[in-house]
Amino acid sequence: MGNKNGKIVLTEEIVEELSRSSGIEKKLVKQQCETFLVEHPSGNINKSDFKKFVKMALPDLNMKKMEANIFRMYDTNQDGNVSMEEFLIVFHVFSSGSAEENLQRIFRIFDVDNNGVISKNELKKLVKDMSSQCGDDVLTDSTFLEMDKDKDGSITSKEFCAAVLAQDKFSKFLAVQVIDMFT
């Protein structure tokens, strides 16, 4: 993202990178980014506009329950807005990132208070927000037991990634539920 006379501008390099990583034609990428900048000339999107944007892009996603969790994943600097740069970084990571990079982004959804660990209460709230089919307490307890390898009462990003990558039963199930929201 470039900056010319205080105005956010889209560079050819960014268009090429997004086109390459997404498989979308450069012309369409440029058009979508320019539309974003017309509607958000500051290059930032607030929570309300983000909700509308995600609803348009992912119409089947239940934003009522997951809005804050998904917004937090994109708002990496925690300033209450998602910049075009933050959005593009997450987009790029999800479209071409390694499994561990993607899981670290998903970890941010679970880490509600952004303190670098997932507490049992955070996990319980997210399971409740996501789940309608299975027993919330059973899924929360089982997942927490799988992920909290050192039994210190919290789950680090490293423990989270390791449990999902090891395909531990409940950990994998929960991660797949989050990934399915975006596909």
C-alpha atoms as a PDB file:
ATOM      1  CA  MET A   1       0.000   0.000   0.000  1.00  0.00           C
ATOM      2  CA  GLY A   2       1.442   3.311  -0.997  1.00  0.00           C
ATOM      3  CA  ASN A   3       0.793   6.812   0.233  1.00  0.00           C
ATOM      4  CA  LYS A   4       0.716   9.827  -2.058  1.00  0.00           C
ATOM      5  CA  ASN A   5       0.027  13.301  -0.672  1.00  0.00           C
ATOM      6  CA  GLY A   6      -1.599  11.769   2.415  1.00  0.00           C
ATOM      7  CA  LYS A   7      -3.913   9.584   0.317  1.00  0.00           C
ATOM      8  CA  ILE A   8      -3.754   5.790   0.308  1.00  0.00           C
ATOM      9  CA  VAL A   9      -2.892   4.441  -3.143  1.00  0.00           C
ATOM     10  CA  LEU A  10      -2.819   0.940  -4.521  1.00  0.00           C
ATOM     11  CA  THR A  11       0.525  -0.078  -5.980  1.00  0.00           C
ATOM     12  CA  GLU A  12       1.005  -2.424  -8.913  1.00  0.00           C
ATOM     13  CA  GLU A  13       3.148  -4.691  -6.694  1.00  0.00           C
ATOM     14  CA  ILE A  14       0.282  -5.204  -4.245  1.00  0.00           C
ATOM     15  CA  VAL A  15      -2.166  -5.910  -7.064  1.00  0.00           C
ATOM     16  CA  GLU A  16       0.228  -8.477  -8.549  1.00  0.00           C
ATOM     17  CA  GLU A  17       0.819 -10.166  -5.177  1.00  0.00           C
ATOM     18  CA  LEU A  18      -2.913 -10.380  -4.387  1.00  0.00           C
ATOM     19  CA  SER A  19      -3.624 -11.707  -7.861  1.00  0.00           C
ATOM     20  CA  ARG A  20      -0.921 -14.330  -7.534  1.00  0.00           C
ATOM     21  CA  SER A  21      -1.916 -15.466  -4.034  1.00  0.00           C
ATOM     22  CA  SER A  22      -5.666 -15.466  -4.644  1.00  0.00           C
ATOM     23  CA  GLY A  23      -5.814 -16.701  -8.221  1.00  0.00           C
ATOM     24  CA  ILE A  24      -8.038 -13.724  -9.079  1.00  0.00           C
ATOM     25  CA  GLU A  25      -7.255 -11.739 -12.228  1.00  0.00           C
ATOM     26  CA  LYS A  26      -5.208  -8.577 -11.615  1.00  0.00           C
ATOM     27  CA  LYS A  27      -7.914  -6.435 -13.182  1.00  0.00           C
ATOM     28  CA  LEU A  28     -10.547  -7.723 -10.739  1.00  0.00           C
ATOM     29  CA  VAL A  29      -8.206  -7.404  -7.735  1.00  0.00           C
ATOM     30  CA  LYS A  30      -7.456  -3.810  -8.688  1.00  0.00           C
ATOM     31  CA  GLN A  31     -11.152  -3.052  -9.168  1.00  0.00           C
ATOM     32  CA  GLN A  32     -12.093  -4.521  -5.756  1.00  0.00           C
ATOM     33  CA  CYS A  33      -9.291  -2.678  -3.945  1.00  0.00           C
ATOM     34  CA  GLU A  34     -10.151   0.607  -5.660  1.00  0.00           C
ATOM     35  CA  THR A  35     -13.794   0.172  -4.654  1.00  0.00           C
ATOM     36  CA  PHE A  36     -12.671  -0.406  -1.067  1.00  0.00           C
ATOM     37  CA  LEU A  37     -10.595   2.797  -1.175  1.00  0.00           C
ATOM     38  CA  VAL A  38     -13.471   4.829  -2.673  1.00  0.00           C
ATOM     39  CA  GLU A  39     -15.754   3.694   0.131  1.00  0.00           C
ATOM     40  CA  HIS A  40     -12.999   3.968   2.766  1.00  0.00           C
ATOM     41  CA  PRO A  41     -10.554   6.662   1.588  1.00  0.00           C
ATOM     42  CA  SER A  42      -8.646   6.523   4.869  1.00  0.00           C
ATOM     43  CA  GLY A  43      -7.815   2.919   4.068  1.00  0.00           C
ATOM     44  CA  ASN A  44      -9.564   1.816   7.295  1.00  0.00           C
ATOM     45  CA  ILE A  45     -12.855   0.044   7.887  1.00  0.00           C
ATOM     46  CA  ASN A  46     -14.680   0.236  11.212  1.00  0.00           C
ATOM     47  CA  LYS A  47     -16.410  -2.671  12.948  1.00  0.00           C
ATOM     48  CA  SER A  48     -19.858  -1.826  11.561  1.00  0.00           C
ATOM     49  CA  ASP A  49     -18.644  -1.578   7.955  1.00  0.00           C
ATOM     50  CA  PHE A  50     -16.485  -4.675   8.428  1.00  0.00           C
ATOM     51  CA  LYS A  51     -19.578  -6.616   9.495  1.00  0.00           C
ATOM     52  CA  LYS A  52     -21.379  -5.530   6.298  1.00  0.00           C
ATOM     53  CA  PHE A  53     -18.342  -6.405   4.191  1.00  0.00           C
ATOM     54  CA  VAL A  54     -17.990  -9.893   5.696  1.00  0.00           C
ATOM     55  CA  LYS A  55     -21.742 -10.511   5.386  1.00  0.00           C
ATOM     56  CA  MET A  56     -21.509  -9.673   1.682  1.00  0.00           C
ATOM     57  CA  ALA A  57     -18.405 -11.836   1.141  1.00  0.00           C
ATOM     58  CA  LEU A  58     -19.527 -14.711   3.407  1.00  0.00           C
ATOM     59  CA  PRO A  59     -23.347 -14.635   3.454  1.00  0.00           C
ATOM     60  CA  ASP A  60     -23.677 -17.926   5.359  1.00  0.00           C
ATOM     61  CA  LEU A  61     -21.513 -16.777   8.282  1.00  0.00           C
ATOM     62  CA  ASN A  62     -23.448 -16.026  11.490  1.00  0.00           C
ATOM     63  CA  MET A  63     -21.904 -12.639  12.262  1.00  0.00           C
ATOM     64  CA  LYS A  64     -24.142 -12.014  15.283  1.00  0.00           C
ATOM     65  CA  LYS A  65     -22.219 -14.509  17.374  1.00  0.00           C
ATOM     66  CA  MET A  66     -18.811 -14.377  15.698  1.00  0.00           C
ATOM     67  CA  GLU A  67     -18.436 -10.701  14.733  1.00  0.00           C
ATOM     68  CA  ALA A  68     -16.112  -9.648  17.560  1.00  0.00           C
ATOM     69  CA  ASN A  69     -14.025 -12.804  17.227  1.00  0.00           C
ATOM     70  CA  ILE A  70     -13.473 -12.404  13.485  1.00  0.00           C
ATOM     71  CA  PHE A  71     -12.901  -8.644  13.723  1.00  0.00           C
ATOM     72  CA  ARG A  72     -10.204  -9.250  16.352  1.00  0.00           C
ATOM     73  CA  MET A  73      -8.374 -11.612  14.003  1.00  0.00           C
ATOM     74  CA  TYR A  74      -8.142  -8.869  11.364  1.00  0.00           C
ATOM     75  CA  ASP A  75      -7.540  -5.894  13.694  1.00  0.00           C
ATOM     76  CA  THR A  76      -3.984  -6.964  14.434  1.00  0.00           C
ATOM     77  CA  ASN A  77      -2.903  -3.661  16.012  1.00  0.00           C
ATOM     78  CA  GLN A  78      -6.105  -3.508  18.116  1.00  0.00           C
ATOM     79  CA  ASP A  79      -7.001   0.078  17.180  1.00  0.00           C
ATOM     80  CA  GLY A  80     -10.687  -0.642  16.518  1.00  0.00           C
ATOM     81  CA  ASN A  81     -10.314  -0.481  12.723  1.00  0.00           C
ATOM     82  CA  VAL A  82      -9.156  -2.882  10.064  1.00  0.00           C
ATOM     83  CA  SER A  83      -6.779  -1.185   7.678  1.00  0.00           C
ATOM     84  CA  MET A  84      -6.553  -2.308   4.097  1.00  0.00           C
ATOM     85  CA  GLU A  85      -3.034  -3.482   4.922  1.00  0.00           C
ATOM     86  CA  GLU A  86      -4.244  -5.598   7.876  1.00  0.00           C
ATOM     87  CA  PHE A  87      -6.991  -7.052   5.713  1.00  0.00           C
ATOM     88  CA  LEU A  88      -4.572  -7.869   2.898  1.00  0.00           C
ATOM     89  CA  ILE A  89      -2.074  -9.471   5.282  1.00  0.00           C
ATOM     90  CA  VAL A  90      -4.708 -11.807   6.723  1.00  0.00           C
ATOM     91  CA  PHE A  91      -6.083 -12.481   3.240  1.00  0.00           C
ATOM     92  CA  HIS A  92      -2.596 -13.358   2.033  1.00  0.00           C
ATOM     93  CA  VAL A  93      -1.821 -15.585   5.020  1.00  0.00           C
ATOM     94  CA  PHE A  94      -5.066 -17.523   4.610  1.00  0.00           C
ATOM     95  CA  SER A  95      -4.629 -17.879   0.858  1.00  0.00           C
ATOM     96  CA  SER A  96      -0.982 -18.899   0.838  1.00  0.00           C
ATOM     97  CA  GLY A  97       0.272 -19.149   4.402  1.00  0.00           C
ATOM     98  CA  SER A  98       1.642 -22.259   6.018  1.00  0.00           C
ATOM     99  CA  ALA A  99      -0.589 -24.346   8.273  1.00  0.00           C
ATOM    100  CA  GLU A 100       1.123 -22.856  11.321  1.00  0.00           C
ATOM    101  CA  GLU A 101       0.653 -19.241  10.082  1.00  0.00           C
ATOM    102  CA  ASN A 102      -3.035 -19.939   9.485  1.00  0.00           C
ATOM    103  CA  LEU A 103      -3.421 -21.530  12.920  1.00  0.00           C
ATOM    104  CA  GLN A 104      -1.767 -18.533  14.580  1.00  0.00           C
ATOM    105  CA  ARG A 105      -4.408 -16.318  12.948  1.00  0.00           C
ATOM    106  CA  ILE A 106      -7.156 -18.662  14.121  1.00  0.00           C
ATOM    107  CA  PHE A 107      -5.608 -18.578  17.622  1.00  0.00           C
ATOM    108  CA  ARG A 108      -6.365 -14.825  17.666  1.00  0.00           C
ATOM    109  CA  ILE A 109     -10.079 -15.626  17.321  1.00  0.00           C
ATOM    110  CA  PHE A 110      -9.917 -17.748  20.478  1.00  0.00           C
ATOM    111  CA  ASP A 111      -7.715 -15.326  22.475  1.00  0.00           C
ATOM    112  CA  VAL A 112     -10.551 -12.943  23.337  1.00  0.00           C
ATOM    113  CA  ASP A 113      -8.582 -10.629  25.654  1.00  0.00           C
ATOM    114  CA  ASN A 114      -5.459 -10.632  23.432  1.00  0.00           C
ATOM    115  CA  ASN A 115      -3.144 -11.637  26.272  1.00  0.00           C
ATOM    116  CA  GLY A 116      -1.409 -14.385  24.287  1.00  0.00           C
ATOM    117  CA  VAL A 117      -3.186 -17.347  25.912  1.00  0.00           C
ATOM    118  CA  ILE A 118      -6.633 -18.936  25.750  1.00  0.00           C
ATOM    119  CA  SER A 119      -8.378 -19.392  29.081  1.00  0.00           C
ATOM    120  CA  LYS A 120     -11.034 -22.020  29.641  1.00  0.00           C
ATOM    121  CA  ASN A 121     -13.675 -19.262  29.834  1.00  0.00           C
ATOM    122  CA  GLU A 122     -12.566 -17.852  26.474  1.00  0.00           C
ATOM    123  CA  LEU A 123     -12.746 -21.304  24.906  1.00  0.00           C
ATOM    124  CA  LYS A 124     -16.156 -21.910  26.470  1.00  0.00           C
ATOM    125  CA  LYS A 125     -17.554 -18.636  25.115  1.00  0.00           C
ATOM    126  CA  LEU A 126     -16.273 -19.326  21.605  1.00  0.00           C
ATOM    127  CA  VAL A 127     -17.593 -22.900  21.636  1.00  0.00           C
ATOM    128  CA  LYS A 128     -20.976 -21.554  22.758  1.00  0.00           C
ATOM    129  CA  ASP A 129     -20.939 -18.917  19.980  1.00  0.00           C
ATOM    130  CA  MET A 130     -20.038 -21.500  17.343  1.00  0.00           C
ATOM    131  CA  SER A 131     -21.861 -24.580  18.486  1.00  0.00           C
ATOM    132  CA  SER A 132     -25.459 -25.500  18.154  1.00  0.00           C
ATOM    133  CA  GLN A 133     -25.207 -29.231  17.584  1.00  0.00           C
ATOM    134  CA  CYS A 134     -23.002 -30.713  20.287  1.00  0.00           C
ATOM    135  CA  GLY A 135     -22.737 -30.310  24.037  1.00  0.00           C
ATOM    136  CA  ASP A 136     -20.842 -27.080  24.704  1.00  0.00           C
ATOM    137  CA  ASP A 137     -19.364 -28.188  28.050  1.00  0.00           C
ATOM    138  CA  VAL A 138     -18.175 -31.554  26.754  1.00  0.00           C
ATOM    139  CA  LEU A 139     -16.507 -29.971  23.715  1.00  0.00           C
ATOM    140  CA  THR A 140     -14.941 -27.192  25.805  1.00  0.00           C
ATOM    141  CA  ASP A 141     -13.612 -29.540  28.485  1.00  0.00           C
ATOM    142  CA  SER A 142     -12.299 -32.118  26.015  1.00  0.00           C
ATOM    143  CA  THR A 143     -10.624 -29.526  23.795  1.00  0.00           C
ATOM    144  CA  PHE A 144      -9.068 -27.738  26.754  1.00  0.00           C
ATOM    145  CA  LEU A 145      -7.651 -30.998  28.112  1.00  0.00           C
ATOM    146  CA  GLU A 146      -6.137 -31.816  24.711  1.00  0.00           C
ATOM    147  CA  MET A 147      -4.599 -28.392  24.166  1.00  0.00           C
ATOM    148  CA  ASP A 148      -3.349 -27.471  27.639  1.00  0.00           C
ATOM    149  CA  LYS A 149      -0.357 -29.823  27.444  1.00  0.00           C
ATOM    150  CA  ASP A 150       1.497 -28.360  30.441  1.00  0.00           C
ATOM    151  CA  LYS A 151      -1.709 -28.264  32.538  1.00  0.00           C
ATOM    152  CA  ASP A 152      -1.143 -24.663  33.643  1.00  0.00           C
ATOM    153  CA  GLY A 153      -4.763 -23.615  33.059  1.00  0.00           C
ATOM    154  CA  SER A 154      -4.197 -21.760  29.778  1.00  0.00           C
ATOM    155  CA  ILE A 155      -3.434 -22.579  26.157  1.00  0.00           C
ATOM    156  CA  THR A 156      -0.552 -20.839  24.405  1.00  0.00           C
ATOM    157  CA  SER A 157      -0.366 -20.297  20.666  1.00  0.00           C
ATOM    158  CA  LYS A 158       2.283 -23.028  20.533  1.00  0.00           C
ATOM    159  CA  GLU A 159       0.051 -25.515  22.375  1.00  0.00           C
ATOM    160  CA  PHE A 160      -2.919 -24.573  20.175  1.00  0.00           C
ATOM    161  CA  CYS A 161      -0.972 -25.094  16.936  1.00  0.00           C
ATOM    162  CA  ALA A 162       0.609 -28.333  18.175  1.00  0.00           C
ATOM    163  CA  ALA A 163      -2.755 -29.849  19.169  1.00  0.00           C
ATOM    164  CA  VAL A 164      -4.398 -29.004  15.862  1.00  0.00           C
ATOM    165  CA  LEU A 165      -1.402 -30.077  13.779  1.00  0.00           C
ATOM    166  CA  ALA A 166      -1.243 -33.354  15.741  1.00  0.00           C
ATOM    167  CA  GLN A 167      -4.880 -33.753  14.721  1.00  0.00           C
ATOM    168  CA  ASP A 168      -6.012 -34.255  18.298  1.00  0.00           C
ATOM    169  CA  LYS A 169      -9.703 -35.138  18.003  1.00  0.00           C
ATOM    170  CA  PHE A 170     -11.486 -32.194  19.638  1.00  0.00           C
ATOM    171  CA  SER A 171      -8.830 -29.601  18.787  1.00  0.00           C
ATOM    172  CA  LYS A 172      -8.999 -30.486  15.117  1.00  0.00           C
ATOM    173  CA  PHE A 173     -12.817 -30.459  15.188  1.00  0.00           C
ATOM    174  CA  LEU A 174     -12.917 -26.954  16.656  1.00  0.00           C
ATOM    175  CA  ALA A 175     -10.293 -25.568  14.252  1.00  0.00           C
ATOM    176  CA  VAL A 176     -12.135 -27.073  11.277  1.00  0.00           C
ATOM    177  CA  GLN A 177     -15.346 -25.401  12.488  1.00  0.00           C
ATOM    178  CA  VAL A 178     -13.587 -22.019  12.385  1.00  0.00           C
ATOM    179  CA  ILE A 179     -12.019 -22.704   8.978  1.00  0.00           C
ATOM    180  CA  ASP A 180     -15.396 -23.820   7.593  1.00  0.00           C
ATOM    181  CA  MET A 181     -16.821 -20.383   8.442  1.00  0.00           C
ATOM    182  CA  PHE A 182     -14.480 -18.868   5.862  1.00  0.00           C
ATOM    183  CA  THR A 183     -15.003 -21.385   3.068  1.00  0.00           C
END
